[in-house]
Every structure is written in C-alpha cells, then in structure tokens.
Amino acid sequence: MEYVVGAAVTVVAAPLALSAAGFTAGGIAAGSIGAKLMAMCAAAGGGGVPAGGLVAGLQSAGAAGIGLVGKAALASLGALIGGRLFKFKN
C-alpha cells in the first residue's frame, strides 16, 4: 500500500512543485526559483540557456505538462521512496 501512496503523491505533487518553482504555462515567473536557475545557467553558458538542458526541460514540463513516460518515471520513484520511508518508520 505504501508503494501506491508514494507513487500517487509523487505524480500529483510534481506539477504543483513545478508551478511553485516558477515553471508555468506562461513562461518562467519573474523572481522565482526557476528564474534564478535560468540566470545561473545563462551566466555559466555564456549568456544563453542551452536547449535540452535542465531549465529547458523543467520549463517544457511546466508549460506542456508531464508526459506519460515522465509520469511513469515519477510513479516509480515515488513508489520506491514510499516503500523506503515505510520500512524506515517501522
């Protein structure tokens, strides 16, 4: 049961976390964690944010949503974490 709960919580929480970090459908929110991350990547990359990089991937997921493969990966990770937390607790 703890595996199912961990998977469900992770899949539901991921889009909320992306939005809270500033990765929204309208772009990266000014003053957000996402904006700071983008600025750091741009400074490290000589002024541009690399296509296919972390910031681009997070913004894509924030704007278009997390695809089926991403949800499956999140569910697997959440199930693993849920199972580990349950075993740690008991």
N, C-alpha and C. Protein backbone atom coordinates (compact mmCIF):
# COMPACT_ATOMS: atom_id res chain seq x y z
N MET A 1 0.81 -1.20 0.00
CA MET A 1 0.00 0.00 0.00
C MET A 1 0.85 1.26 0.00
N GLU A 2 1.95 1.23 0.77
CA GLU A 2 2.81 2.41 0.84
C GLU A 2 3.43 2.75 -0.52
N TYR A 3 3.60 1.73 -1.35
CA TYR A 3 4.15 1.96 -2.69
C TYR A 3 3.15 2.73 -3.56
N VAL A 4 1.89 2.36 -3.46
CA VAL A 4 0.84 3.02 -4.23
C VAL A 4 0.69 4.46 -3.79
N VAL A 5 0.70 4.68 -2.49
CA VAL A 5 0.57 6.04 -1.96
C VAL A 5 1.75 6.89 -2.41
N GLY A 6 2.96 6.36 -2.31
CA GLY A 6 4.14 7.10 -2.74
C GLY A 6 4.09 7.45 -4.22
N ALA A 7 3.65 6.50 -5.04
CA ALA A 7 3.54 6.75 -6.49
C ALA A 7 2.50 7.84 -6.77
N ALA A 8 1.33 7.73 -6.15
CA ALA A 8 0.26 8.70 -6.40
C ALA A 8 0.64 10.09 -5.93
N VAL A 9 1.21 10.19 -4.76
CA VAL A 9 1.60 11.51 -4.23
C VAL A 9 2.63 12.16 -5.14
N THR A 10 3.59 11.40 -5.60
CA THR A 10 4.64 11.96 -6.46
C THR A 10 4.08 12.46 -7.78
N VAL A 11 3.21 11.68 -8.41
CA VAL A 11 2.64 12.08 -9.70
C VAL A 11 1.77 13.32 -9.55
N VAL A 12 1.03 13.42 -8.46
CA VAL A 12 0.17 14.59 -8.23
C VAL A 12 1.00 15.81 -7.83
N ALA A 13 2.02 15.61 -7.01
CA ALA A 13 2.80 16.72 -6.48
C ALA A 13 3.77 17.34 -7.49
N ALA A 14 4.24 16.58 -8.45
CA ALA A 14 5.25 17.09 -9.38
C ALA A 14 4.80 18.33 -10.15
N PRO A 15 3.61 18.34 -10.76
CA PRO A 15 3.19 19.56 -11.45
C PRO A 15 3.01 20.75 -10.51
N LEU A 16 2.55 20.48 -9.30
CA LEU A 16 2.40 21.56 -8.32
C LEU A 16 3.76 22.14 -7.93
N ALA A 17 4.74 21.26 -7.79
CA ALA A 17 6.09 21.71 -7.45
C ALA A 17 6.71 22.52 -8.58
N LEU A 18 6.49 22.09 -9.81
CA LEU A 18 7.00 22.85 -10.96
C LEU A 18 6.40 24.26 -10.98
N SER A 19 5.11 24.33 -10.79
CA SER A 19 4.43 25.63 -10.79
C SER A 19 4.93 26.50 -9.63
N ALA A 20 5.07 25.91 -8.47
CA ALA A 20 5.55 26.67 -7.31
C ALA A 20 6.97 27.17 -7.51
N ALA A 21 7.77 26.45 -8.28
CA ALA A 21 9.14 26.86 -8.56
C ALA A 21 9.21 27.91 -9.66
N GLY A 22 8.07 28.20 -10.30
CA GLY A 22 8.03 29.25 -11.30
C GLY A 22 8.01 28.78 -12.74
N PHE A 23 7.92 27.49 -12.97
CA PHE A 23 7.85 26.95 -14.32
C PHE A 23 6.37 26.81 -14.69
N THR A 24 5.83 27.82 -15.37
CA THR A 24 4.39 27.89 -15.63
C THR A 24 4.09 27.83 -17.12
N ALA A 25 2.81 27.72 -17.44
CA ALA A 25 2.38 27.69 -18.84
C ALA A 25 2.71 28.99 -19.56
N GLY A 26 2.77 30.08 -18.82
CA GLY A 26 3.07 31.38 -19.42
C GLY A 26 4.56 31.70 -19.47
N GLY A 27 5.40 30.78 -19.06
CA GLY A 27 6.84 31.03 -19.04
C GLY A 27 7.36 30.98 -17.62
N ILE A 28 8.62 31.29 -17.46
CA ILE A 28 9.24 31.27 -16.14
C ILE A 28 8.86 32.55 -15.41
N ALA A 29 8.31 32.41 -14.23
CA ALA A 29 7.83 33.55 -13.45
C ALA A 29 9.01 34.37 -12.93
N ALA A 30 8.89 35.68 -13.06
CA ALA A 30 9.94 36.58 -12.59
C ALA A 30 10.12 36.45 -11.09
N GLY A 31 11.37 36.46 -10.64
CA GLY A 31 11.69 36.40 -9.23
C GLY A 31 11.56 35.02 -8.60
N SER A 32 11.26 34.01 -9.40
CA SER A 32 11.06 32.66 -8.87
C SER A 32 12.37 31.89 -8.82
N ILE A 33 12.29 30.71 -8.24
CA ILE A 33 13.43 29.80 -8.23
C ILE A 33 13.83 29.46 -9.66
N GLY A 34 12.82 29.27 -10.52
CA GLY A 34 13.08 28.98 -11.92
C GLY A 34 13.85 30.10 -12.61
N ALA A 35 13.50 31.35 -12.29
CA ALA A 35 14.20 32.49 -12.88
C ALA A 35 15.65 32.55 -12.41
N LYS A 36 15.86 32.26 -11.14
CA LYS A 36 17.23 32.25 -10.62
C LYS A 36 18.05 31.13 -11.25
N LEU A 37 17.43 29.97 -11.41
CA LEU A 37 18.11 28.84 -12.04
C LEU A 37 18.44 29.17 -13.50
N MET A 38 17.51 29.80 -14.19
CA MET A 38 17.75 30.19 -15.58
C MET A 38 18.90 31.20 -15.66
N ALA A 39 18.93 32.16 -14.75
CA ALA A 39 20.01 33.15 -14.75
C ALA A 39 21.37 32.50 -14.49
N MET A 40 21.40 31.54 -13.58
CA MET A 40 22.66 30.84 -13.30
C MET A 40 23.14 30.05 -14.51
N CYS A 41 22.21 29.36 -15.18
CA CYS A 41 22.57 28.58 -16.37
C CYS A 41 23.04 29.49 -17.50
N ALA A 42 22.37 30.64 -17.64
CA ALA A 42 22.76 31.58 -18.69
C ALA A 42 24.15 32.15 -18.41
N ALA A 43 24.43 32.47 -17.16
CA ALA A 43 25.75 33.01 -16.81
C ALA A 43 26.83 31.96 -17.04
N ALA A 44 26.54 30.72 -16.70
CA ALA A 44 27.53 29.65 -16.89
C ALA A 44 27.70 29.30 -18.36
N GLY A 45 26.65 29.51 -19.16
CA GLY A 45 26.69 29.14 -20.57
C GLY A 45 27.06 30.29 -21.50
N GLY A 46 27.54 31.37 -20.96
CA GLY A 46 27.96 32.48 -21.80
C GLY A 46 26.81 33.35 -22.28
N GLY A 47 25.71 33.36 -21.56
CA GLY A 47 24.61 34.24 -21.89
C GLY A 47 23.35 33.56 -22.41
N GLY A 48 23.45 32.31 -22.76
CA GLY A 48 22.28 31.60 -23.27
C GLY A 48 21.97 30.37 -22.44
N VAL A 49 20.72 29.98 -22.48
CA VAL A 49 20.30 28.76 -21.79
C VAL A 49 20.28 27.65 -22.83
N PRO A 50 21.02 26.57 -22.60
CA PRO A 50 21.11 25.52 -23.61
C PRO A 50 19.79 24.78 -23.84
N ALA A 51 19.48 24.59 -25.10
CA ALA A 51 18.31 23.78 -25.46
C ALA A 51 18.56 22.35 -25.00
N GLY A 52 17.53 21.72 -24.45
CA GLY A 52 17.67 20.36 -23.98
C GLY A 52 18.29 20.24 -22.60
N GLY A 53 18.60 21.38 -21.98
CA GLY A 53 19.19 21.36 -20.64
C GLY A 53 18.13 21.26 -19.55
N LEU A 54 18.57 21.32 -18.33
CA LEU A 54 17.69 21.19 -17.17
C LEU A 54 16.59 22.25 -17.16
N VAL A 55 16.96 23.51 -17.34
CA VAL A 55 15.97 24.59 -17.30
C VAL A 55 14.97 24.43 -18.43
N ALA A 56 15.43 24.11 -19.61
CA ALA A 56 14.53 23.92 -20.74
C ALA A 56 13.58 22.76 -20.50
N GLY A 57 14.08 21.68 -19.93
CA GLY A 57 13.22 20.53 -19.64
C GLY A 57 12.18 20.83 -18.58
N LEU A 58 12.58 21.53 -17.53
CA LEU A 58 11.63 21.90 -16.48
C LEU A 58 10.57 22.86 -17.02
N GLN A 59 10.99 23.82 -17.84
CA GLN A 59 10.02 24.76 -18.40
C GLN A 59 9.06 24.05 -19.35
N SER A 60 9.56 23.13 -20.12
CA SER A 60 8.71 22.36 -21.02
C SER A 60 7.66 21.58 -20.24
N ALA A 61 8.10 20.93 -19.16
CA ALA A 61 7.16 20.18 -18.33
C ALA A 61 6.17 21.10 -17.64
N GLY A 62 6.62 22.28 -17.22
CA GLY A 62 5.73 23.24 -16.58
C GLY A 62 4.72 23.81 -17.54
N ALA A 63 5.11 24.00 -18.78
CA ALA A 63 4.21 24.59 -19.78
C ALA A 63 3.27 23.58 -20.40
N ALA A 64 3.80 22.43 -20.79
CA ALA A 64 3.01 21.45 -21.53
C ALA A 64 2.50 20.30 -20.67
N GLY A 65 3.01 20.20 -19.46
CA GLY A 65 2.64 19.08 -18.60
C GLY A 65 3.65 17.96 -18.71
N ILE A 66 3.53 17.03 -17.83
CA ILE A 66 4.45 15.90 -17.78
C ILE A 66 3.83 14.76 -18.59
N GLY A 67 4.58 14.24 -19.53
CA GLY A 67 4.09 13.19 -20.41
C GLY A 67 3.97 11.84 -19.70
N LEU A 68 3.46 10.87 -20.43
CA LEU A 68 3.21 9.54 -19.88
C LEU A 68 4.49 8.88 -19.37
N VAL A 69 5.57 9.00 -20.13
CA VAL A 69 6.83 8.39 -19.71
C VAL A 69 7.35 9.08 -18.45
N GLY A 70 7.23 10.38 -18.39
CA GLY A 70 7.63 11.13 -17.20
C GLY A 70 6.81 10.76 -15.99
N LYS A 71 5.51 10.59 -16.19
CA LYS A 71 4.64 10.19 -15.08
C LYS A 71 4.98 8.79 -14.59
N ALA A 72 5.30 7.91 -15.53
CA ALA A 72 5.70 6.55 -15.15
C ALA A 72 6.99 6.57 -14.34
N ALA A 73 7.94 7.40 -14.76
CA ALA A 73 9.20 7.52 -14.03
C ALA A 73 8.96 8.10 -12.64
N LEU A 74 8.12 9.13 -12.56
CA LEU A 74 7.80 9.72 -11.26
C LEU A 74 7.09 8.72 -10.35
N ALA A 75 6.16 7.96 -10.91
CA ALA A 75 5.45 6.96 -10.11
C ALA A 75 6.42 5.91 -9.57
N SER A 76 7.36 5.49 -10.39
CA SER A 76 8.35 4.51 -9.94
C SER A 76 9.21 5.08 -8.81
N LEU A 77 9.65 6.30 -8.98
CA LEU A 77 10.46 6.95 -7.95
C LEU A 77 9.65 7.13 -6.67
N GLY A 78 8.40 7.57 -6.80
CA GLY A 78 7.55 7.75 -5.63
C GLY A 78 7.27 6.46 -4.91
N ALA A 79 7.07 5.37 -5.66
CA ALA A 79 6.84 4.06 -5.05
C ALA A 79 8.08 3.62 -4.27
N LEU A 80 9.24 3.83 -4.86
CA LEU A 80 10.49 3.46 -4.19
C LEU A 80 10.66 4.25 -2.89
N ILE A 81 10.44 5.56 -2.97
CA ILE A 81 10.58 6.41 -1.78
C ILE A 81 9.53 6.04 -0.73
N GLY A 82 8.29 5.83 -1.16
CA GLY A 82 7.24 5.44 -0.22
C GLY A 82 7.56 4.14 0.50
N GLY A 83 8.06 3.16 -0.25
CA GLY A 83 8.44 1.90 0.35
C GLY A 83 9.59 2.04 1.33
N ARG A 84 10.57 2.83 0.97
CA ARG A 84 11.73 3.04 1.85
C ARG A 84 11.33 3.77 3.13
N LEU A 85 10.48 4.80 3.00
CA LEU A 85 10.05 5.54 4.18
C LEU A 85 9.26 4.65 5.12
N PHE A 86 8.43 3.78 4.57
CA PHE A 86 7.65 2.87 5.40
C PHE A 86 8.56 1.91 6.16
N LYS A 87 9.56 1.38 5.48
CA LYS A 87 10.49 0.46 6.13
C LYS A 87 11.33 1.17 7.18
N PHE A 88 11.70 2.43 6.90
CA PHE A 88 12.48 3.21 7.85
C PHE A 88 11.67 3.50 9.10
N LYS A 89 10.39 3.78 8.92
CA LYS A 89 9.50 4.11 10.02
C LYS A 89 9.27 2.90 10.92
N ASN A 90 9.16 1.74 10.33
CA ASN A 90 8.86 0.53 11.11
C ASN A 90 10.12 -0.16 11.45
